[in-house]
């Protein structure tokens, strides 16, 4: 079977994906495993699995194997250049989201016994910067992976994750932090910065 010659866009996507996995692995080793509050049910774990398929498995297979050729699209140089910049921005936000959250980060819906509400760093601008990073990375994937299905699979998985998981995560945070989180939610946007009124800090 003849394998496709890897394009610059495909090679960049593989490098960015390896970096994404390295960041996730680095911070996964730093967090404590025991959690006091957990809403990590089967549905939540299936969403995580779907994200892995949409963000990593499917696009990596398509850029390295002759799969889903019927959904291939042209890859203009402009898409490659813009996609690389977007992926770098997404990775930076992904890194900062982990670093600013520290040991409070968890793959699933879980909280530590001494969990504190983080409102510094990127969390000063958005409540869920990691979801925002998934959106940015998904856009970069769409630009770098020259396939309509595999290119958009990251954004599709992220949209489903946000639709199903964000309301549950918000409810968990309100249960844990009450009015402190309600005030934070009033001031700060979910995944996009909320425009501040002129004259207010």
Protein backbone atom coordinates (compact mmCIF):
# COMPACT_ATOMS: atom_id res chain seq x y z
CA UNK A 1 0.00 0.00 0.00
CA UNK A 2 1.39 3.37 -1.01
CA UNK A 3 1.57 5.85 1.86
CA UNK A 4 1.05 9.56 1.17
CA UNK A 5 4.13 11.76 1.17
CA UNK A 6 3.84 13.92 4.29
CA UNK A 7 3.28 17.57 3.51
CA UNK A 8 4.68 20.44 5.56
CA UNK A 9 1.21 21.00 7.03
CA UNK A 10 0.96 17.33 8.05
CA UNK A 11 4.40 17.34 9.64
CA UNK A 12 3.63 20.54 11.53
CA UNK A 13 0.39 19.05 12.80
CA UNK A 14 2.22 15.96 14.07
CA UNK A 15 4.82 18.12 15.85
CA UNK A 16 2.12 20.29 17.45
CA UNK A 17 0.17 17.20 18.51
CA UNK A 18 3.26 15.68 20.11
CA UNK A 19 3.79 18.96 21.99
CA UNK A 20 0.15 18.94 23.12
CA UNK A 21 0.51 15.39 24.47
CA UNK A 22 3.80 16.28 26.18
CA UNK A 23 2.18 19.23 27.98
CA UNK A 24 -0.72 17.09 29.09
CA UNK A 25 1.61 14.32 30.28
CA UNK A 26 3.84 16.74 32.18
CA UNK A 27 0.99 18.23 34.20
CA UNK A 28 -0.76 14.87 34.67
CA UNK A 29 2.28 13.68 36.65
CA UNK A 30 2.12 16.74 38.91
CA UNK A 31 -1.47 16.49 40.12
CA UNK A 32 -2.62 14.54 43.14
CA UNK A 33 -4.70 11.48 42.30
CA UNK A 34 -7.03 11.50 45.33
CA UNK A 35 -10.01 13.80 44.78
CA UNK A 36 -12.60 14.78 47.38
CA UNK A 37 -15.36 15.61 44.89
CA UNK A 38 -15.88 13.56 41.74
CA UNK A 39 -18.55 13.66 39.07
CA UNK A 40 -16.50 11.55 36.67
CA UNK A 41 -19.10 9.13 35.38
CA UNK A 42 -19.05 6.95 32.28
CA UNK A 43 -20.47 9.74 30.12
CA UNK A 44 -17.66 12.09 31.15
CA UNK A 45 -15.03 9.48 30.37
CA UNK A 46 -16.60 8.78 26.99
CA UNK A 47 -16.40 12.51 26.19
CA UNK A 48 -12.69 12.45 27.02
CA UNK A 49 -12.25 9.43 24.76
CA UNK A 50 -14.10 11.23 21.96
CA UNK A 51 -11.81 14.24 22.38
CA UNK A 52 -8.79 11.99 22.05
CA UNK A 53 -10.14 10.51 18.85
CA UNK A 54 -11.14 13.87 17.37
CA UNK A 55 -8.03 15.81 18.39
CA UNK A 56 -5.33 13.17 18.05
CA UNK A 57 -6.14 9.70 16.73
CA UNK A 58 -8.23 10.45 13.63
CA UNK A 59 -6.22 13.42 12.29
CA UNK A 60 -2.88 11.70 12.94
CA UNK A 61 -4.07 8.61 11.09
CA UNK A 62 -5.32 10.66 8.15
CA UNK A 63 -2.10 12.65 7.73
CA UNK A 64 0.03 9.48 7.87
CA UNK A 65 -2.19 6.87 6.16
CA UNK A 66 -4.28 6.83 2.96
CA UNK A 67 -7.57 7.13 4.84
CA UNK A 68 -10.74 9.15 4.11
CA UNK A 69 -9.30 10.21 0.74
CA UNK A 70 -12.80 11.08 -0.52
CA UNK A 71 -12.87 13.95 2.01
CA UNK A 72 -9.46 15.37 1.07
CA UNK A 73 -9.20 19.07 0.26
CA UNK A 74 -6.50 21.30 -1.23
CA UNK A 75 -3.93 22.75 1.18
CA UNK A 76 -3.00 26.33 0.22
CA UNK A 77 0.25 27.68 1.66
CA UNK A 78 -1.75 30.38 3.46
CA UNK A 79 -3.69 27.70 5.37
CA UNK A 80 -0.44 26.11 6.49
CA UNK A 81 1.07 29.41 7.65
CA UNK A 82 -2.05 30.60 9.48
CA UNK A 83 -2.66 27.13 10.91
CA UNK A 84 0.84 27.03 12.40
CA UNK A 85 0.34 30.40 14.09
CA UNK A 86 -3.07 29.38 15.42
CA UNK A 87 -1.74 26.08 16.78
CA UNK A 88 1.10 27.89 18.55
CA UNK A 89 -1.41 30.25 20.15
CA UNK A 90 -3.59 27.32 21.19
CA UNK A 91 -0.64 25.47 22.72
CA UNK A 92 0.42 28.55 24.66
CA UNK A 93 -3.09 28.93 26.08
CA UNK A 94 -3.22 25.19 26.80
CA UNK A 95 0.06 25.42 28.74
CA UNK A 96 -0.99 28.51 30.70
CA UNK A 97 -4.34 26.93 31.59
CA UNK A 98 -2.53 24.02 33.23
CA UNK A 99 0.20 26.12 34.84
CA UNK A 100 -2.19 28.69 36.35
CA UNK A 101 -4.56 26.00 37.67
CA UNK A 102 -1.73 23.97 39.21
CA UNK A 103 -2.77 20.94 41.26
CA UNK A 104 -6.43 21.86 40.84
CA UNK A 105 -6.38 20.48 37.29
CA UNK A 106 -8.06 17.17 36.51
CA UNK A 107 -8.93 15.41 33.27
CA UNK A 108 -12.37 14.52 34.63
CA UNK A 109 -14.87 16.48 36.72
CA UNK A 110 -13.08 16.31 40.09
CA UNK A 111 -12.01 18.65 42.90
CA UNK A 112 -9.41 18.38 45.64
CA UNK A 113 -10.38 18.53 49.32
CA UNK A 114 -8.56 21.88 49.60
CA UNK A 115 -9.49 23.05 46.11
CA UNK A 116 -9.37 26.82 45.72
CA UNK A 117 -11.07 28.95 43.12
CA UNK A 118 -8.37 30.16 40.72
CA UNK A 119 -9.05 33.62 39.28
CA UNK A 120 -5.49 34.68 38.41
CA UNK A 121 -3.50 34.42 35.18
CA UNK A 122 -5.60 33.41 32.19
CA UNK A 123 -8.46 32.67 34.60
CA UNK A 124 -8.75 36.41 35.11
CA UNK A 125 -10.00 36.68 31.53
CA UNK A 126 -12.05 33.48 31.06
CA UNK A 127 -13.44 30.88 33.45
CA UNK A 128 -12.61 27.93 31.20
CA UNK A 129 -9.40 28.74 29.28
CA UNK A 130 -8.71 25.06 28.63
CA UNK A 131 -11.91 24.76 26.63
CA UNK A 132 -10.92 27.97 24.84
CA UNK A 133 -7.56 26.37 24.01
CA UNK A 134 -9.36 23.34 22.56
CA UNK A 135 -11.32 25.67 20.27
CA UNK A 136 -8.13 27.42 19.11
CA UNK A 137 -6.33 24.10 18.62
CA UNK A 138 -9.35 22.77 16.74
CA UNK A 139 -9.21 25.73 14.39
CA UNK A 140 -5.50 25.11 13.83
CA UNK A 141 -6.26 21.45 13.14
CA UNK A 142 -8.90 22.45 10.57
CA UNK A 143 -6.31 24.62 8.81
CA UNK A 144 -3.45 22.09 8.86
CA UNK A 145 -5.21 18.78 8.23
CA UNK A 146 -6.26 18.79 4.57
CA UNK A 147 -9.32 16.64 5.08
CA UNK A 148 -12.85 17.84 5.73
CA UNK A 149 -13.63 15.06 8.22
CA UNK A 150 -10.36 14.74 10.14
CA UNK A 151 -9.69 18.46 9.92
CA UNK A 152 -12.97 19.35 11.61
CA UNK A 153 -13.12 16.42 14.03
CA UNK A 154 -11.34 18.36 16.79
CA UNK A 155 -13.80 21.24 16.63
CA UNK A 156 -16.76 18.84 16.48
CA UNK A 157 -15.55 16.93 19.55
CA UNK A 158 -14.88 20.18 21.42
CA UNK A 159 -18.36 21.51 20.63
CA UNK A 160 -19.93 18.34 22.04
CA UNK A 161 -17.67 18.43 25.10
CA UNK A 162 -18.63 22.02 25.85
CA UNK A 163 -22.34 21.46 25.27
CA UNK A 164 -22.48 18.46 27.61
CA UNK A 165 -19.76 19.12 30.16
CA UNK A 166 -19.68 22.88 30.73
CA UNK A 167 -23.09 23.05 32.45
CA UNK A 168 -22.10 20.17 34.75
CA UNK A 169 -18.77 21.78 35.55
CA UNK A 170 -20.43 25.10 36.32
CA UNK A 171 -22.92 23.37 38.63
CA UNK A 172 -20.07 21.57 40.43
CA UNK A 173 -18.21 24.84 40.97
CA UNK A 174 -21.33 26.56 42.32
CA UNK A 175 -21.92 23.65 44.71
CA UNK A 176 -18.32 23.96 45.90
CA UNK A 177 -17.85 27.73 46.03
CA UNK A 178 -21.39 29.16 46.10
CA UNK A 179 -21.64 32.95 45.86
CA UNK A 180 -17.89 33.28 45.31
CA UNK A 181 -18.24 31.44 42.02
CA UNK A 182 -21.49 33.21 41.11
CA UNK A 183 -19.69 36.55 41.45
CA UNK A 184 -16.76 35.25 39.41
CA UNK A 185 -19.17 34.05 36.72
CA UNK A 186 -20.87 37.44 36.68
CA UNK A 187 -17.55 39.21 36.02
CA UNK A 188 -15.74 36.78 33.71
CA UNK A 189 -16.82 35.12 30.47
CA UNK A 190 -16.92 31.34 30.06
CA UNK A 191 -14.57 30.78 27.09
CA UNK A 192 -14.36 34.28 25.59
CA UNK A 193 -13.26 37.40 27.50
CA UNK A 194 -16.16 39.57 28.55
CA UNK A 195 -15.86 43.12 27.29
CA UNK A 196 -15.39 45.46 30.21
CA UNK A 197 -17.29 48.69 30.42
CA UNK A 198 -15.27 51.88 30.05
CA UNK A 199 -14.31 53.29 33.43
CA UNK A 200 -14.35 49.92 35.23
CA UNK A 201 -11.30 47.97 36.28
